[in-house]
Amino acid sequence: MKKITATLLIIVLLPALGWALEPSNKELYEMILRLEQRIDATSADAERYKAEAEAARKEANEIRSELARIRQQKNTPVSTAAITPPQSKSGLTTSVEVINLRPTRTNLDFATYDPASSGSDQVTGTSVAIKPDHHAGIRFGLGYDNGQGSTLEANFTRLTTSDSRTAEDGDGNLWGNWLHANAIIDDDNVTWAKGSYGLDLNSFDLGLRQQLVEQESFAIDLLAALRYANLKQKTSIYYRQDVTATTYRSATIEDKNNFKGWGPRVGFDMNWKIGHGFSFFNETAGSLLLGNYSLSYSELDRAAGSTTDISRVDINESETRLIPVVEIKVGAGYSRELKNGWIIGANAGYEWQNWFNMVLAYRFNDDVDSQLKSTDTTDLSLDGFFLETYVKF
């Protein structure tokens, strides 16, 4: 009986207890919303983790590719002969260069001193010649670098020289080397002589500088330009022969060699970088100038006590001539970049130039056939030191 009664109570109370514990509709809705939010958050986290994994995979692939490229470069031999146009900083460059050059040429001997005073027709003794010294000149430069290894540049050079030397007979004889055979002065009886030589050079170059090789410690530039040159040379000789204590005979000789022409100029510039802004360089260039070459040669004699000159020689010639020019520069340089991006620097060194066939000299050596003369064609050289400063904006 008791078991039956308990069973009935359980049957009656269980539905009531279930009804009491069953959630309401509002609670079910809130539970569903919370569940959806958790599902959305989980999906967002999954997408983020997926994106991060994809980015990491791409980065790993890029790193592997870069490592493979570095290994390939390391194992590939570098050809020093390869021409690789470098990247450089574009900008305008201005330069000022002080040159200190000495002209050297033949046919500047104007007298011979014979201390023996033998009085014979044999020329003996020591030759007296004009010896040009170093003289200061100036060179201005302007260039524009396009940032791709090419520079358009212009250079102007100006140099003038003037040198002289004197000679006296002293206790011997003084021969006049330049005197005409029929000059008013006996060529073996000159009392006093003076020789002067002057040079006037103006040249202008407009061209392109192209970087061919640019390595960490070595660079090569190719030079190509058009050159204009105007070069004048003047040699003046004055001879005097004393006749009495107050009167003398004289002869004045003047020789001019002038050239004006245009032509191409090509060359190369090598630069060795030794660190901390210092470097060594070598520039070699050559030109072929075609233009007008003119010569004038004159001798004016004056008798003792006279004020009138007698023209003994008066020659003027002109021709078209091809003048080869070779130039070599060696030196050291220093450059530094300022905080504002400008680059300042200086170069110093030695320069040598040779102008072929720039000297044409006459000598009259026959007093019977006075028109006969000998001709000598030689070169003109310039050498000396230079100091250049520049700024690249």
Protein backbone atom coordinates (compact mmCIF):
# COMPACT_ATOMS: atom_id res chain seq x y z
CA MET A 1 0.00 0.00 0.00
CA LYS A 2 2.81 2.32 0.95
CA LYS A 3 4.62 1.59 -2.34
CA ILE A 4 1.50 2.38 -4.34
CA THR A 5 1.01 5.64 -2.49
CA ALA A 6 4.65 6.74 -3.12
CA THR A 7 4.43 5.90 -6.79
CA LEU A 8 1.30 8.01 -7.19
CA LEU A 9 2.96 10.96 -5.46
CA ILE A 10 5.95 10.77 -7.81
CA ILE A 11 3.71 10.67 -10.87
CA VAL A 12 1.80 13.69 -9.65
CA LEU A 13 4.82 15.76 -8.53
CA LEU A 14 7.22 15.20 -11.51
CA PRO A 15 5.16 17.22 -14.05
CA ALA A 16 4.80 19.99 -11.52
CA LEU A 17 8.55 19.99 -10.84
CA GLY A 18 9.33 20.01 -14.61
CA TRP A 19 6.95 22.84 -15.16
CA ALA A 20 8.61 24.77 -12.34
CA LEU A 21 12.12 24.22 -13.79
CA GLU A 22 11.20 24.87 -17.48
CA PRO A 23 12.67 28.25 -18.71
CA SER A 24 10.44 30.96 -20.00
CA ASN A 25 10.46 32.23 -23.66
CA LYS A 26 12.46 35.34 -22.71
CA GLU A 27 15.14 33.30 -21.06
CA LEU A 28 15.33 31.00 -24.07
CA TYR A 29 15.74 34.04 -26.42
CA GLU A 30 18.50 35.51 -24.30
CA MET A 31 20.26 32.16 -24.24
CA ILE A 32 20.07 31.94 -28.05
CA LEU A 33 21.49 35.49 -28.41
CA ARG A 34 24.40 34.67 -26.13
CA LEU A 35 25.05 31.54 -28.08
CA GLU A 36 25.04 33.42 -31.42
CA GLN A 37 27.47 36.03 -30.02
CA ARG A 38 29.83 33.29 -28.93
CA ILE A 39 29.58 31.67 -32.36
CA ASP A 40 30.28 35.04 -34.11
CA ALA A 41 33.27 35.75 -31.85
CA THR A 42 34.63 32.31 -32.51
CA SER A 43 34.24 32.82 -36.30
CA ALA A 44 35.99 36.22 -36.15
CA ASP A 45 38.86 34.74 -34.19
CA ALA A 46 39.12 31.95 -36.69
CA GLU A 47 39.28 34.41 -39.64
CA ARG A 48 41.91 36.53 -37.85
CA TYR A 49 44.01 33.49 -37.08
CA LYS A 50 43.67 32.41 -40.71
CA ALA A 51 44.77 35.85 -42.03
CA GLU A 52 47.74 35.93 -39.67
CA ALA A 53 48.77 32.48 -40.76
CA GLU A 54 48.53 33.51 -44.45
CA ALA A 55 50.64 36.67 -43.83
CA ALA A 56 53.25 34.61 -41.97
CA ARG A 57 53.34 32.13 -44.85
CA LYS A 58 53.93 34.94 -47.40
CA GLU A 59 56.65 36.50 -45.27
CA ALA A 60 58.36 33.14 -44.90
CA ASN A 61 58.25 32.68 -48.70
CA GLU A 62 59.77 36.16 -49.23
CA ILE A 63 62.55 35.41 -46.74
CA ARG A 64 63.30 32.12 -48.48
CA SER A 65 63.43 33.91 -51.86
CA GLU A 66 65.76 36.60 -50.54
CA LEU A 67 68.05 33.99 -48.98
CA ALA A 68 68.14 32.11 -52.29
CA ARG A 69 69.00 35.33 -54.19
CA ILE A 70 71.80 36.17 -51.74
CA ARG A 71 73.23 32.67 -52.04
CA GLN A 72 73.10 32.92 -55.83
CA GLN A 73 74.88 36.31 -55.82
CA LYS A 74 77.51 34.97 -53.45
CA ASN A 75 78.19 31.99 -55.68
CA THR A 76 78.14 33.99 -58.94
CA PRO A 77 81.58 35.46 -59.95
CA VAL A 78 81.56 39.23 -60.52
CA SER A 79 83.07 40.37 -63.82
CA THR A 80 85.17 43.50 -63.35
CA ALA A 81 84.84 44.19 -67.07
CA ALA A 82 81.07 44.54 -66.85
CA ILE A 83 79.83 48.01 -67.60
CA THR A 84 77.16 48.89 -65.03
CA PRO A 85 75.70 52.39 -65.12
CA PRO A 86 75.52 53.51 -61.48
CA GLN A 87 72.98 55.58 -59.68
CA SER A 88 74.29 58.92 -58.47
CA LYS A 89 72.91 62.01 -56.85
CA SER A 90 71.63 64.58 -59.32
CA GLY A 91 72.66 68.20 -58.96
CA LEU A 92 74.67 71.15 -60.20
CA THR A 93 78.46 71.29 -59.71
CA THR A 94 80.67 74.39 -59.89
CA SER A 95 84.46 74.32 -59.70
CA VAL A 96 87.38 76.73 -59.65
CA GLU A 97 90.86 75.47 -60.45
CA VAL A 98 94.17 77.28 -60.10
CA ILE A 99 96.76 75.99 -62.58
CA ASN A 100 100.49 76.71 -62.43
CA LEU A 101 101.94 75.64 -65.80
CA ARG A 102 105.26 76.10 -67.55
CA PRO A 103 105.59 76.20 -71.37
CA THR A 104 108.45 74.20 -72.88
CA ARG A 105 109.55 74.34 -76.52
CA THR A 106 112.59 74.52 -78.73
CA ASN A 107 113.91 77.50 -80.76
CA LEU A 108 114.15 79.86 -77.80
CA ASP A 109 117.94 80.19 -78.02
CA PHE A 110 118.79 83.71 -79.22
CA ALA A 111 122.55 84.13 -78.61
CA THR A 112 125.81 82.24 -78.13
CA TYR A 113 128.45 83.51 -75.73
CA ASP A 114 132.04 82.80 -76.73
CA PRO A 115 134.34 83.52 -73.78
CA ALA A 116 137.47 82.76 -75.84
CA SER A 117 136.80 85.75 -78.10
CA SER A 118 138.72 84.03 -80.84
CA GLY A 119 137.36 86.31 -83.54
CA SER A 120 137.11 83.43 -86.00
CA ASP A 121 134.02 82.47 -87.98
CA GLN A 122 133.60 79.33 -85.88
CA VAL A 123 130.70 79.57 -83.46
CA THR A 124 131.87 78.29 -80.08
CA GLY A 125 130.78 78.79 -76.50
CA THR A 126 127.53 78.50 -74.57
CA SER A 127 124.03 78.90 -75.97
CA VAL A 128 121.83 81.51 -74.28
CA ALA A 129 118.11 80.65 -74.36
CA ILE A 130 114.89 81.92 -72.85
CA LYS A 131 113.78 79.57 -70.08
CA PRO A 132 110.05 79.96 -69.37
CA ASP A 133 108.98 79.58 -65.76
CA HIS A 134 105.71 78.40 -64.18
CA HIS A 135 102.85 80.88 -64.39
CA ALA A 136 99.43 80.92 -62.74
CA GLY A 137 96.26 80.43 -64.74
CA ILE A 138 92.62 79.71 -64.02
CA ARG A 139 90.08 77.09 -65.02
CA PHE A 140 86.34 77.35 -64.37
CA GLY A 141 83.96 74.40 -64.51
CA LEU A 142 80.19 73.96 -64.51
CA GLY A 143 78.35 70.63 -64.68
CA TYR A 144 74.95 69.04 -64.20
CA ASP A 145 74.56 65.42 -63.04
CA ASN A 146 71.24 63.84 -64.05
CA GLY A 147 71.42 61.20 -61.31
CA GLN A 148 71.84 58.37 -63.83
CA GLY A 149 75.63 58.54 -64.14
CA SER A 150 75.71 61.20 -66.90
CA THR A 151 77.07 64.72 -66.40
CA LEU A 152 76.90 67.58 -68.87
CA GLU A 153 79.89 69.83 -68.21
CA ALA A 154 81.65 72.93 -69.51
CA ASN A 155 85.21 74.10 -68.74
CA PHE A 156 87.07 77.30 -69.58
CA THR A 157 90.86 77.61 -69.26
CA ARG A 158 92.91 80.80 -69.32
CA LEU A 159 96.73 80.97 -69.14
CA THR A 160 99.19 83.74 -69.97
CA THR A 161 102.98 83.65 -69.57
CA SER A 162 105.83 86.11 -70.09
CA ASP A 163 109.54 85.37 -69.68
CA SER A 164 112.76 87.06 -70.79
CA ARG A 165 116.52 86.78 -70.55
CA THR A 166 119.48 89.02 -71.39
CA ALA A 167 123.07 88.40 -72.51
CA GLU A 168 126.20 90.57 -72.79
CA ASP A 169 129.48 90.10 -74.60
CA GLY A 170 131.58 90.71 -71.48
CA ASP A 171 135.17 89.70 -72.15
CA GLY A 172 134.29 87.54 -75.13
CA ASN A 173 132.12 87.51 -78.24
CA LEU A 174 128.33 87.38 -78.40
CA TRP A 175 126.77 85.82 -81.48
CA GLY A 176 123.23 86.70 -82.57
CA ASN A 177 121.50 83.43 -83.48
CA TRP A 178 118.42 85.00 -85.05
CA LEU A 179 120.09 87.72 -87.08
CA HIS A 180 119.63 87.72 -90.83
CA ALA A 181 122.84 87.05 -92.74
CA ASN A 182 122.69 90.59 -94.18
CA ALA A 183 121.66 92.29 -90.93
CA ILE A 184 123.14 95.65 -90.08
CA ILE A 185 124.79 94.07 -87.03
CA ASP A 186 127.65 91.65 -87.48
CA ASP A 187 126.35 88.36 -86.14
CA ASP A 188 129.59 87.75 -84.22
CA ASN A 189 129.85 91.20 -82.71
CA VAL A 190 126.73 91.75 -80.63
CA THR A 191 127.22 93.90 -77.53
CA TRP A 192 123.95 93.19 -75.74
CA ALA A 193 120.87 91.05 -76.46
CA LYS A 194 117.50 90.36 -74.90
CA GLY A 195 115.04 87.60 -75.69
CA SER A 196 111.37 87.51 -74.61
CA TYR A 197 108.74 84.83 -74.97
CA GLY A 198 105.04 85.02 -74.18
CA LEU A 199 102.09 82.65 -74.47
CA ASP A 200 98.35 83.33 -74.37
CA LEU A 201 96.02 80.32 -74.17
CA ASN A 202 92.22 80.30 -74.07
CA SER A 203 90.29 77.06 -74.42
CA PHE A 204 86.67 76.02 -73.92
CA ASP A 205 85.32 72.46 -73.59
CA LEU A 206 81.66 71.44 -73.76
CA GLY A 207 80.87 67.77 -73.40
CA LEU A 208 79.53 64.76 -71.52
CA ARG A 209 80.99 62.65 -68.72
CA GLN A 210 79.49 59.15 -68.44
CA GLN A 211 80.17 56.78 -65.52
CA LEU A 212 80.97 53.33 -66.90
CA VAL A 213 82.10 51.42 -63.80
CA GLU A 214 81.14 52.26 -60.22
CA GLN A 215 82.36 49.94 -57.51
CA GLU A 216 83.01 50.41 -53.82
CA SER A 217 86.67 51.34 -54.33
CA PHE A 218 87.03 51.99 -58.07
CA ALA A 219 85.28 54.00 -60.78
CA ILE A 220 85.80 54.82 -64.46
CA ASP A 221 84.29 57.76 -66.36
CA LEU A 222 84.25 58.25 -70.13
CA LEU A 223 84.80 61.80 -71.44
CA ALA A 224 83.59 63.19 -74.77
CA ALA A 225 83.58 66.88 -75.64
CA LEU A 226 83.99 69.56 -78.29
CA ARG A 227 86.98 71.86 -77.74
CA TYR A 228 87.70 75.36 -78.98
CA ALA A 229 91.26 76.66 -78.55
CA ASN A 230 92.95 79.98 -79.26
CA LEU A 231 96.69 79.80 -78.61
CA LYS A 232 99.13 82.61 -79.35
CA GLN A 233 102.93 82.59 -79.01
CA LYS A 234 105.22 85.58 -79.44
CA THR A 235 109.02 85.61 -79.40
CA SER A 236 110.85 88.94 -79.50
CA ILE A 237 114.64 89.33 -79.83
CA TYR A 238 116.53 92.62 -79.54
CA TYR A 239 120.20 92.94 -80.50
CA ARG A 240 122.43 95.97 -79.96
CA GLN A 241 125.96 96.65 -81.22
CA ASP A 242 127.78 99.60 -79.69
CA VAL A 243 129.61 101.72 -82.25
CA THR A 244 130.79 104.53 -80.00
CA ALA A 245 130.17 105.43 -76.42
CA THR A 246 126.91 107.11 -77.41
CA THR A 247 125.80 105.43 -80.65
CA TYR A 248 124.79 101.88 -81.53
CA ARG A 249 123.19 99.76 -84.21
CA SER A 250 120.16 97.62 -83.41
CA ALA A 251 118.01 94.83 -84.80
CA THR A 252 114.56 93.88 -83.54
CA ILE A 253 113.14 90.49 -84.50
CA GLU A 254 109.58 89.41 -83.82
CA ASP A 255 108.17 85.91 -84.39
CA LYS A 256 104.50 85.01 -83.86
CA ASN A 257 102.86 81.57 -83.98
CA ASN A 258 99.07 81.71 -83.62
CA PHE A 259 96.45 78.98 -83.82
CA LYS A 260 92.66 79.04 -83.59
CA GLY A 261 90.56 75.92 -84.11
CA TRP A 262 87.89 73.40 -83.10
CA GLY A 263 87.84 69.65 -82.65
CA PRO A 264 86.70 66.61 -80.64
CA ARG A 265 88.17 65.71 -77.26
CA VAL A 266 87.84 62.21 -75.77
CA GLY A 267 89.34 60.49 -72.76
CA PHE A 268 88.73 58.62 -69.54
CA ASP A 269 88.98 59.29 -65.81
CA MET A 270 89.88 56.58 -63.28
CA ASN A 271 89.29 57.03 -59.56
CA TRP A 272 90.56 54.85 -56.70
CA LYS A 273 88.70 55.40 -53.39
CA ILE A 274 90.80 54.76 -50.29
CA GLY A 275 88.19 55.63 -47.65
CA HIS A 276 87.14 58.53 -45.41
CA GLY A 277 86.49 60.70 -48.48
CA PHE A 278 90.03 60.41 -49.91
CA SER A 279 90.86 59.11 -53.39
CA PHE A 280 93.50 58.97 -56.12
CA PHE A 281 92.70 59.74 -59.76
CA ASN A 282 94.13 59.72 -63.26
CA GLU A 283 92.64 61.53 -66.26
CA THR A 284 93.94 61.00 -69.81
CA ALA A 285 92.47 62.79 -72.82
CA GLY A 286 93.28 63.61 -76.42
CA SER A 287 92.04 66.19 -78.92
CA LEU A 288 92.24 66.74 -82.67
CA LEU A 289 91.91 70.43 -83.42
CA LEU A 290 91.46 71.72 -86.96
CA GLY A 291 91.88 75.42 -87.60
CA ASN A 292 93.90 78.32 -88.90
CA TYR A 293 97.63 78.45 -88.15
CA SER A 294 99.38 81.74 -88.90
CA LEU A 295 103.02 82.78 -88.76
CA SER A 296 104.52 86.25 -88.90
CA TYR A 297 108.27 86.89 -88.84
CA SER A 298 109.95 90.29 -89.12
CA GLU A 299 113.32 91.95 -88.58
CA LEU A 300 113.80 95.71 -88.34
CA ASP A 301 117.35 97.12 -88.46
CA ARG A 302 118.39 100.59 -87.34
CA ALA A 303 121.69 102.29 -88.18
CA ALA A 304 123.77 104.12 -85.60
CA GLY A 305 122.42 107.58 -84.83
CA SER A 306 119.29 106.98 -86.95
CA THR A 307 115.65 106.99 -85.91
CA THR A 308 114.41 105.12 -88.98
CA ASP A 309 113.96 101.35 -89.12
CA ILE A 310 114.96 99.33 -92.17
CA SER A 311 112.81 96.27 -92.87
CA ARG A 312 115.12 93.31 -93.37
CA VAL A 313 112.52 90.50 -93.17
CA ASP A 314 108.73 90.61 -93.31
CA ILE A 315 107.01 87.23 -93.76
CA ASN A 316 103.36 86.35 -93.16
CA GLU A 317 101.96 82.88 -93.73
CA SER A 318 98.65 81.21 -93.00
CA GLU A 319 97.43 77.66 -93.46
CA THR A 320 94.85 75.16 -92.21
CA ARG A 321 96.53 72.77 -89.81
CA LEU A 322 95.50 69.74 -87.73
CA ILE A 323 96.87 69.97 -84.17
CA PRO A 324 96.79 66.82 -81.98
CA VAL A 325 96.77 67.45 -78.23
CA VAL A 326 97.48 64.95 -75.42
CA GLU A 327 96.68 65.66 -71.75
CA ILE A 328 97.45 63.70 -68.58
CA LYS A 329 96.45 64.56 -65.01
CA VAL A 330 97.28 62.61 -61.84
CA GLY A 331 96.54 63.54 -58.24
CA ALA A 332 94.59 63.02 -55.04
CA GLY A 333 91.22 64.29 -53.90
CA TYR A 334 88.94 64.65 -50.90
CA SER A 335 85.15 65.07 -50.74
CA ARG A 336 82.58 65.38 -47.98
CA GLU A 337 78.78 65.61 -47.84
CA LEU A 338 77.38 68.38 -45.64
CA LYS A 339 74.23 68.17 -43.52
CA ASN A 340 72.28 70.20 -46.09
CA GLY A 341 73.08 67.60 -48.77
CA TRP A 342 75.76 69.62 -50.55
CA ILE A 343 79.03 67.92 -51.46
CA ILE A 344 82.28 69.87 -51.20
CA GLY A 345 85.68 68.66 -52.30
CA ALA A 346 89.18 69.45 -53.53
CA ASN A 347 91.61 67.89 -56.00
CA ALA A 348 95.34 68.53 -56.31
CA GLY A 349 97.97 67.05 -58.59
CA TYR A 350 100.23 67.33 -61.62
CA GLU A 351 99.21 68.10 -65.22
CA TRP A 352 101.03 67.66 -68.53
CA GLN A 353 99.93 68.69 -72.02
CA ASN A 354 101.57 68.40 -75.42
CA TRP A 355 100.44 70.43 -78.44
CA PHE A 356 101.97 68.88 -81.54
CA ASN A 357 103.28 71.01 -84.45
CA MET A 358 102.61 74.28 -82.63
CA VAL A 359 106.03 75.85 -83.27
CA LEU A 360 107.27 76.94 -86.68
CA ALA A 361 110.70 78.65 -86.62
CA TYR A 362 112.74 80.27 -89.41
CA ARG A 363 116.50 80.76 -89.67
CA PHE A 364 118.27 82.73 -92.43
CA ASN A 365 121.74 81.32 -92.91
CA ASP A 366 123.16 82.46 -96.26
CA ASP A 367 124.51 85.96 -96.91
CA VAL A 368 124.88 85.27 -100.64
CA ASP A 369 121.37 83.99 -101.26
CA SER A 370 119.70 86.01 -98.52
CA GLN A 371 116.26 84.55 -99.18
CA LEU A 372 117.35 81.04 -98.21
CA LYS A 373 116.12 79.87 -94.84
CA SER A 374 115.77 76.75 -92.75
CA THR A 375 112.44 75.76 -91.20
CA ASP A 376 111.89 73.81 -87.99
CA THR A 377 108.49 72.53 -86.82
CA THR A 378 108.29 71.30 -83.22
CA ASP A 379 105.87 70.86 -80.32
CA LEU A 380 104.75 72.95 -77.38
CA SER A 381 104.41 71.35 -73.93
CA LEU A 382 102.77 72.65 -70.76
CA ASP A 383 103.35 71.09 -67.36
CA GLY A 384 102.83 71.97 -63.71
CA PHE A 385 100.58 71.63 -60.69
CA PHE A 386 96.91 72.38 -60.13
CA LEU A 387 94.52 72.84 -57.22
CA GLU A 388 90.76 72.51 -57.71
CA THR A 389 87.86 73.13 -55.35
CA TYR A 390 84.23 72.29 -56.12
CA VAL A 391 80.72 72.31 -54.68
CA LYS A 392 77.85 70.04 -55.75
CA PHE A 393 74.42 71.41 -54.89
